[in-house]
Amino acid sequence: MVETRGFLAAVEAADAMCKTASVKLMRCEVVRDARVTVVVQGEVAEVEAAVRAGGRAAGRVGELLATHVIPALETDVVECWQAAAGKSPRRTDGSRGRSA
C-alpha cells in the first residue's frame, strides 16, 4: 500500500503501480486531512516492485506519507475491505447469502 497526502499523488502512485508490475488495484481510500491510501494485491515480489514504483511516483508530484507491503494478507481482512466497499464477501459454504 502507498499512502499520500492529496489525490494527485495517489493517482500517480496507482498508475505507476499498475504499470510496473502484475498487480490488481484493490482499493483507493480517501480519509480526512487529504490522506489517500492505495492498495494493490498480487504476488509478493510484484507487490514490492509496485509499491516501490508507486512511492517514487507519488513523491515526485506530491507528498508521500508511507509505503508498506503485507505478505499473505489474511483473507478476513480482504473480506472486511470488500464489505466496507459494498461488495458481498465470498462465501465458502455454498450458500447464496439468503437467510431462511
C-alpha atoms as a PDB file:
ATOM      1  CA  MET A   1       0.000   0.000   0.000  1.00  0.00           C
ATOM      2  CA  VAL A   2       1.017   3.579  -0.626  1.00  0.00           C
ATOM      3  CA  GLU A   3      -0.272   6.455   1.479  1.00  0.00           C
ATOM      4  CA  THR A   4      -0.125  10.031   0.195  1.00  0.00           C
ATOM      5  CA  ARG A   5      -1.349  13.454   1.105  1.00  0.00           C
ATOM      6  CA  GLY A   6      -3.502  14.542  -1.811  1.00  0.00           C
ATOM      7  CA  PHE A   7      -5.384  12.814  -4.561  1.00  0.00           C
ATOM      8  CA  LEU A   8      -2.995  13.679  -7.402  1.00  0.00           C
ATOM      9  CA  ALA A   9      -0.101  11.859  -5.740  1.00  0.00           C
ATOM     10  CA  ALA A  10      -2.365   8.855  -5.136  1.00  0.00           C
ATOM     11  CA  VAL A  11      -3.391   8.705  -8.792  1.00  0.00           C
ATOM     12  CA  GLU A  12       0.264   8.879  -9.843  1.00  0.00           C
ATOM     13  CA  ALA A  13       1.098   6.105  -7.386  1.00  0.00           C
ATOM     14  CA  ALA A  14      -1.761   3.865  -8.581  1.00  0.00           C
ATOM     15  CA  ASP A  15      -0.824   4.405 -12.219  1.00  0.00           C
ATOM     16  CA  ALA A  16       2.845   3.611 -11.610  1.00  0.00           C
ATOM     17  CA  MET A  17       1.986   0.565  -9.503  1.00  0.00           C
ATOM     18  CA  CYS A  18      -0.271  -0.950 -12.152  1.00  0.00           C
ATOM     19  CA  LYS A  19       2.168  -0.176 -14.991  1.00  0.00           C
ATOM     20  CA  THR A  20       5.218  -1.524 -13.166  1.00  0.00           C
ATOM     21  CA  ALA A  21       4.035  -4.924 -12.022  1.00  0.00           C
ATOM     22  CA  SER A  22       1.325  -7.504 -12.428  1.00  0.00           C
ATOM     23  CA  VAL A  23      -0.871  -6.335  -9.541  1.00  0.00           C
ATOM     24  CA  LYS A  24      -4.572  -5.737  -9.072  1.00  0.00           C
ATOM     25  CA  LEU A  25      -5.715  -2.349  -7.810  1.00  0.00           C
ATOM     26  CA  MET A  26      -7.899  -3.295  -4.861  1.00  0.00           C
ATOM     27  CA  ARG A  27      -8.864  -0.066  -3.198  1.00  0.00           C
ATOM     28  CA  CYS A  28      -8.281   3.654  -3.008  1.00  0.00           C
ATOM     29  CA  GLU A  29      -9.353   5.043   0.355  1.00  0.00           C
ATOM     30  CA  VAL A  30      -9.694   8.778   0.975  1.00  0.00           C
ATOM     31  CA  VAL A  31      -9.734   9.835   4.622  1.00  0.00           C
ATOM     32  CA  ARG A  32      -9.539  13.116   6.480  1.00  0.00           C
ATOM     33  CA  ASP A  33      -6.637  15.541   6.159  1.00  0.00           C
ATOM     34  CA  ALA A  34      -6.339  14.679   2.461  1.00  0.00           C
ATOM     35  CA  ARG A  35      -4.785  11.294   3.206  1.00  0.00           C
ATOM     36  CA  VAL A  36      -5.262   8.760   0.435  1.00  0.00           C
ATOM     37  CA  THR A  37      -4.268   5.096   0.641  1.00  0.00           C
ATOM     38  CA  VAL A  38      -3.888   2.987  -2.487  1.00  0.00           C
ATOM     39  CA  VAL A  39      -3.934  -0.793  -2.005  1.00  0.00           C
ATOM     40  CA  VAL A  40      -2.824  -3.382  -4.564  1.00  0.00           C
ATOM     41  CA  GLN A  41      -2.763  -7.164  -4.437  1.00  0.00           C
ATOM     42  CA  GLY A  42      -0.629  -9.776  -6.166  1.00  0.00           C
ATOM     43  CA  GLU A  43       2.447 -11.936  -5.744  1.00  0.00           C
ATOM     44  CA  VAL A  44       4.764 -10.587  -3.043  1.00  0.00           C
ATOM     45  CA  ALA A  45       7.633  -9.723  -5.408  1.00  0.00           C
ATOM     46  CA  GLU A  46       5.234  -7.984  -7.794  1.00  0.00           C
ATOM     47  CA  VAL A  47       3.628  -6.003  -4.969  1.00  0.00           C
ATOM     48  CA  GLU A  48       7.043  -4.980  -3.620  1.00  0.00           C
ATOM     49  CA  ALA A  49       8.098  -3.680  -7.042  1.00  0.00           C
ATOM     50  CA  ALA A  50       4.770  -1.909  -7.499  1.00  0.00           C
ATOM     51  CA  VAL A  51       4.911  -0.242  -4.084  1.00  0.00           C
ATOM     52  CA  ARG A  52       8.472   0.996  -4.699  1.00  0.00           C
ATOM     53  CA  ALA A  53       7.451   2.480  -8.041  1.00  0.00           C
ATOM     54  CA  GLY A  54       4.245   3.936  -6.613  1.00  0.00           C
ATOM     55  CA  GLY A  55       6.122   5.562  -3.754  1.00  0.00           C
ATOM     56  CA  ARG A  56       8.637   7.165  -6.128  1.00  0.00           C
ATOM     57  CA  ALA A  57       5.883   8.426  -8.427  1.00  0.00           C
ATOM     58  CA  ALA A  58       3.843   9.866  -5.570  1.00  0.00           C
ATOM     59  CA  GLY A  59       6.886  11.627  -4.139  1.00  0.00           C
ATOM     60  CA  ARG A  60       7.627  13.313  -7.476  1.00  0.00           C
ATOM     61  CA  VAL A  61       4.261  15.078  -7.691  1.00  0.00           C
ATOM     62  CA  GLY A  62       3.106  15.338  -4.088  1.00  0.00           C
ATOM     63  CA  GLU A  63       3.684  14.158  -0.546  1.00  0.00           C
ATOM     64  CA  LEU A  64       4.423  10.508   0.120  1.00  0.00           C
ATOM     65  CA  LEU A  65       3.461   9.593   3.687  1.00  0.00           C
ATOM     66  CA  ALA A  66       4.182   5.864   3.816  1.00  0.00           C
ATOM     67  CA  THR A  67       4.601   2.625   1.897  1.00  0.00           C
ATOM     68  CA  HIS A  68       4.065  -0.857   3.255  1.00  0.00           C
ATOM     69  CA  VAL A  69       3.836  -4.428   1.985  1.00  0.00           C
ATOM     70  CA  ILE A  70       1.971  -7.127   3.919  1.00  0.00           C
ATOM     71  CA  PRO A  71       2.846 -10.601   2.614  1.00  0.00           C
ATOM     72  CA  ALA A  72      -0.053 -13.073   2.637  1.00  0.00           C
ATOM     73  CA  LEU A  73      -2.747 -10.714   3.889  1.00  0.00           C
ATOM     74  CA  GLU A  74      -5.319 -12.572   5.980  1.00  0.00           C
ATOM     75  CA  THR A  75      -8.460 -13.437   3.996  1.00  0.00           C
ATOM     76  CA  ASP A  76     -10.716 -11.958   6.691  1.00  0.00           C
ATOM     77  CA  VAL A  77      -9.059  -8.561   6.215  1.00  0.00           C
ATOM     78  CA  VAL A  78      -9.708  -8.649   2.464  1.00  0.00           C
ATOM     79  CA  GLU A  79     -13.333  -9.640   3.056  1.00  0.00           C
ATOM     80  CA  CYS A  80     -13.731  -6.828   5.583  1.00  0.00           C
ATOM     81  CA  TRP A  81     -12.495  -4.306   2.991  1.00  0.00           C
ATOM     82  CA  GLN A  82     -14.847  -5.726   0.386  1.00  0.00           C
ATOM     83  CA  ALA A  83     -17.784  -5.455   2.780  1.00  0.00           C
ATOM     84  CA  ALA A  84     -16.860  -1.857   3.605  1.00  0.00           C
ATOM     85  CA  ALA A  85     -16.809  -1.073  -0.121  1.00  0.00           C
ATOM     86  CA  GLY A  86     -20.297  -2.519  -0.541  1.00  0.00           C
ATOM     87  CA  LYS A  87     -19.186  -5.769  -2.138  1.00  0.00           C
ATOM     88  CA  SER A  88     -20.503  -9.045  -0.768  1.00  0.00           C
ATOM     89  CA  PRO A  89     -17.856 -11.183   0.888  1.00  0.00           C
ATOM     90  CA  ARG A  90     -17.095 -14.508  -0.744  1.00  0.00           C
ATOM     91  CA  ARG A  91     -18.961 -17.413   0.775  1.00  0.00           C
ATOM     92  CA  THR A  92     -17.297 -20.786   1.020  1.00  0.00           C
ATOM     93  CA  ASP A  93     -20.252 -22.709   2.463  1.00  0.00           C
ATOM     94  CA  GLY A  94     -22.155 -22.849  -0.821  1.00  0.00           C
ATOM     95  CA  SER A  95     -24.963 -20.570   0.381  1.00  0.00           C
ATOM     96  CA  ARG A  96     -26.267 -17.705  -1.709  1.00  0.00           C
ATOM     97  CA  GLY A  97     -26.364 -15.187   1.117  1.00  0.00           C
ATOM     98  CA  ARG A  98     -30.081 -15.534   1.751  1.00  0.00           C
ATOM     99  CA  SER A  99     -31.476 -16.193   5.170  1.00  0.00           C
ATOM    100  CA  ALA A 100     -34.170 -18.809   5.716  1.00  0.00           C
END
